[in-house]
Protein backbone atom coordinates (compact mmCIF):
# COMPACT_ATOMS: atom_id res chain seq x y z
CA MET A 1 13.24 4.00 -42.95
CA GLN A 2 12.02 0.65 -41.52
CA ASN A 3 13.92 -2.41 -42.63
CA TRP A 4 11.10 -4.34 -44.21
CA ILE A 5 12.65 -4.86 -47.66
CA GLY A 6 14.73 -7.72 -46.62
CA TRP A 7 11.79 -9.80 -45.05
CA TYR A 8 9.67 -8.89 -48.15
CA LEU A 9 12.06 -10.46 -50.42
CA ASN A 10 12.19 -13.49 -47.98
CA PHE A 11 8.40 -14.07 -47.81
CA LYS A 12 8.14 -14.36 -51.55
CA ARG A 13 9.04 -17.75 -51.19
CA CYS A 14 6.04 -18.45 -49.10
CA SER A 15 3.84 -20.91 -50.89
CA LYS A 16 0.11 -20.28 -50.57
CA LEU A 17 -2.06 -23.00 -49.18
CA PRO A 18 -4.82 -22.36 -50.00
CA THR A 19 -5.25 -20.49 -53.05
CA ASN A 20 -6.87 -16.98 -53.48
CA GLU A 21 -10.25 -18.96 -54.26
CA ARG A 22 -13.47 -19.32 -52.07
CA VAL A 23 -13.40 -22.60 -50.09
CA ASP A 24 -16.05 -24.92 -49.48
CA VAL A 25 -17.38 -24.65 -45.71
CA ALA A 26 -17.11 -28.07 -45.07
CA VAL A 27 -13.53 -28.50 -46.33
CA VAL A 28 -12.58 -25.51 -44.16
CA ALA A 29 -14.11 -27.11 -41.08
CA LYS A 30 -11.91 -30.00 -41.45
CA ALA A 31 -8.82 -28.18 -42.63
CA SER A 32 -9.09 -25.60 -39.74
CA ILE A 33 -8.40 -28.34 -37.04
CA TYR A 34 -4.83 -29.03 -38.33
CA ARG A 35 -3.64 -25.49 -37.90
CA LYS A 36 -4.80 -24.54 -34.55
CA ASN A 37 -1.29 -24.27 -32.95
CA MET A 38 0.47 -22.21 -35.72
CA LYS A 39 3.40 -20.22 -34.65
CA THR A 40 4.85 -16.80 -35.96
CA SER A 41 7.85 -17.55 -38.20
CA LYS A 42 11.09 -15.55 -38.12
CA ASP A 43 9.84 -13.42 -41.00
CA GLY A 44 6.64 -12.79 -39.00
CA LEU A 45 8.61 -11.66 -36.04
CA GLN A 46 10.72 -9.54 -38.00
CA LEU A 47 7.89 -7.65 -39.53
CA ILE A 48 6.42 -6.78 -36.20
CA LYS A 49 9.88 -5.64 -34.83
CA ASP A 50 10.40 -3.76 -37.90
CA PHE A 51 7.10 -1.78 -37.59
CA GLU A 52 7.03 -1.52 -34.14
CA GLY A 53 10.49 -0.47 -33.46
CA LEU A 54 12.23 -0.81 -30.19
CA GLU A 55 11.88 1.94 -27.71
CA LEU A 56 13.51 1.25 -24.27
CA ASN A 57 11.81 4.01 -22.44
CA ALA A 58 8.03 4.54 -22.16
CA TYR A 59 6.43 6.86 -24.60
CA LYS A 60 3.06 7.84 -25.72
CA CYS A 61 2.18 6.39 -29.12
CA ALA A 62 0.17 8.12 -31.91
CA ALA A 63 -3.00 6.80 -30.37
CA GLY A 64 -2.12 8.23 -26.76
CA VAL A 65 -1.07 4.82 -25.23
CA TRP A 66 1.83 4.49 -22.76
CA THR A 67 4.19 2.08 -24.91
CA ILE A 68 7.52 0.51 -24.30
CA GLY A 69 9.61 -2.27 -25.95
CA TYR A 70 8.29 -3.54 -29.22
CA GLY A 71 4.89 -2.15 -29.09
CA HIS A 72 4.09 -3.34 -25.49
CA ILE A 73 1.19 -1.48 -23.68
CA LYS A 74 0.20 -3.65 -20.83
CA GLY A 75 1.04 -2.01 -17.47
CA VAL A 76 3.26 0.58 -18.99
CA GLN A 77 3.61 3.81 -17.18
CA GLU A 78 5.51 7.09 -17.56
CA GLY A 79 9.01 7.12 -16.64
CA MET A 80 9.39 3.16 -17.24
CA SER A 81 12.66 1.82 -18.71
CA ILE A 82 13.65 -1.70 -19.89
CA SER A 83 16.65 -3.39 -21.54
CA GLU A 84 16.69 -4.82 -25.11
CA ALA A 85 16.72 -8.31 -23.58
CA ARG A 86 13.67 -7.60 -21.56
CA ALA A 87 11.98 -5.90 -24.59
CA ASN A 88 12.58 -9.31 -26.41
CA GLU A 89 11.25 -11.45 -23.58
CA MET A 90 8.11 -9.19 -23.61
CA LEU A 91 7.55 -9.73 -27.23
CA ASN A 92 7.98 -13.20 -27.10
CA GLU A 93 5.49 -13.67 -24.09
CA GLU A 94 2.91 -11.50 -25.77
CA LEU A 95 3.40 -13.18 -29.14
CA THR A 96 1.69 -16.52 -27.90
CA GLU A 97 -1.40 -14.48 -26.99
CA TYR A 98 -1.76 -12.84 -30.32
CA GLU A 99 -1.06 -16.05 -32.05
CA ASN A 100 -3.90 -17.68 -30.03
CA TYR A 101 -6.37 -14.86 -31.01
CA ILE A 102 -5.52 -15.80 -34.69
CA ASN A 103 -5.65 -19.73 -34.12
CA LYS A 104 -8.90 -19.29 -32.31
CA GLY A 105 -10.60 -16.80 -34.32
CA VAL A 106 -9.90 -17.87 -37.88
CA THR A 107 -11.57 -20.74 -39.19
CA VAL A 108 -10.23 -21.24 -42.56
CA PRO A 109 -6.56 -22.87 -43.27
CA LEU A 110 -3.82 -20.27 -43.58
CA SER A 111 -0.30 -20.49 -45.08
CA GLN A 112 2.58 -19.49 -42.97
CA CYS A 113 2.90 -15.92 -44.57
CA GLN A 114 -1.05 -15.41 -44.16
CA PHE A 115 -0.71 -16.47 -40.59
CA ASP A 116 2.37 -14.00 -39.86
CA ALA A 117 0.44 -11.13 -41.57
CA MET A 118 -2.59 -11.88 -39.49
CA VAL A 119 -0.56 -12.05 -36.22
CA SER A 120 1.28 -8.77 -36.97
CA TRP A 121 -2.18 -7.12 -37.91
CA VAL A 122 -3.73 -8.26 -34.38
CA TYR A 123 -0.41 -7.44 -32.37
CA ASN A 124 -0.95 -3.85 -33.68
CA LEU A 125 -4.64 -3.60 -33.41
CA GLY A 126 -5.72 -5.84 -30.83
CA ASN A 127 -8.09 -8.74 -30.73
CA GLY A 128 -11.32 -6.58 -29.98
CA ASN A 129 -10.64 -4.89 -33.40
CA LEU A 130 -10.19 -8.34 -34.96
CA THR A 131 -13.27 -9.91 -33.54
CA SER A 132 -15.61 -7.01 -34.66
CA SER A 133 -13.75 -6.43 -37.99
CA THR A 134 -15.17 -7.11 -41.69
CA LEU A 135 -11.59 -8.62 -42.18
CA LEU A 136 -12.25 -11.60 -40.09
CA LYS A 137 -15.77 -11.95 -41.65
CA VAL A 138 -14.33 -12.01 -44.87
CA LEU A 139 -11.39 -14.36 -44.10
CA ASN A 140 -13.55 -16.83 -42.57
CA SER A 141 -16.01 -16.71 -45.63
CA GLY A 142 -12.95 -18.03 -47.50
CA ASP A 143 -12.48 -14.89 -49.56
CA TYR A 144 -8.64 -14.91 -49.28
CA ALA A 145 -8.57 -12.29 -52.15
CA GLY A 146 -10.54 -9.80 -50.20
CA VAL A 147 -8.34 -9.83 -47.10
CA PRO A 148 -5.64 -7.48 -48.30
CA ALA A 149 -8.06 -4.59 -49.00
CA GLN A 150 -9.64 -5.15 -45.57
CA MET A 151 -6.17 -4.91 -43.92
CA LEU A 152 -5.39 -1.54 -45.91
CA ARG A 153 -8.43 0.04 -44.50
CA TRP A 154 -6.82 -0.16 -40.81
CA ASN A 155 -4.31 2.89 -41.18
CA LYS A 156 -5.65 5.37 -38.75
CA ALA A 157 -4.86 6.31 -35.26
CA GLY A 158 -6.89 9.12 -33.47
CA GLY A 159 -8.96 9.43 -36.58
CA LYS A 160 -6.06 10.44 -38.66
CA VAL A 161 -4.27 8.49 -41.65
CA LEU A 162 -0.74 7.76 -40.56
CA ALA A 163 1.97 7.05 -43.18
CA GLY A 164 3.68 4.67 -40.69
CA LEU A 165 0.41 2.50 -40.39
CA THR A 166 -0.32 2.73 -44.33
CA ARG A 167 3.14 1.27 -44.87
CA ARG A 168 2.66 -1.34 -42.13
CA ARG A 169 -0.72 -2.42 -43.54
CA GLN A 170 0.71 -2.57 -47.14
CA ALA A 171 3.41 -4.76 -45.99
CA GLU A 172 1.02 -7.01 -43.98
CA ALA A 173 -1.37 -7.12 -47.26
CA ASP A 174 1.75 -8.15 -49.31
CA MET A 175 2.71 -10.75 -46.96
CA PHE A 176 -0.69 -12.27 -46.78
CA SER A 177 -0.88 -12.47 -50.50
CA ALA A 178 2.66 -13.75 -51.07
CA THR A 179 3.04 -16.62 -53.32
């Protein structure tokens, strides 16, 4: 079983700024400026690592994509092998890209837990899914309370509901809602 209970207990301490109330658009425009360079916390990184798992040999994931390390898919080919150190390097290199997707795409202020949950979500699903999602529209409208339900909808691979994705989406939704 994946080790997400430990970080679950840790992120309960996250304070929620802002609250789960709708936010005035003018306030959002000003507030979003300060958080454009948020970075994933240790808890957010651990969430990604726990759900992606570490695979040192290339394999086809449930969606049929060649994958290695902590969910790395770029340039992966059958027969590839890497070290754990290289897997960590690849994750850290890629994390900046996914943080930027959230920093650029989200126009409302986020707490650290909310940011971490969104980075985990986009790391798993990609920026294309983020930009076309109802989740992003709901979040950018200031409807923080509506985001967890939108996250939970993304629990399928190849058209099939997967228990692992359902657990991951629940963990992300819980992290996003942490108080």
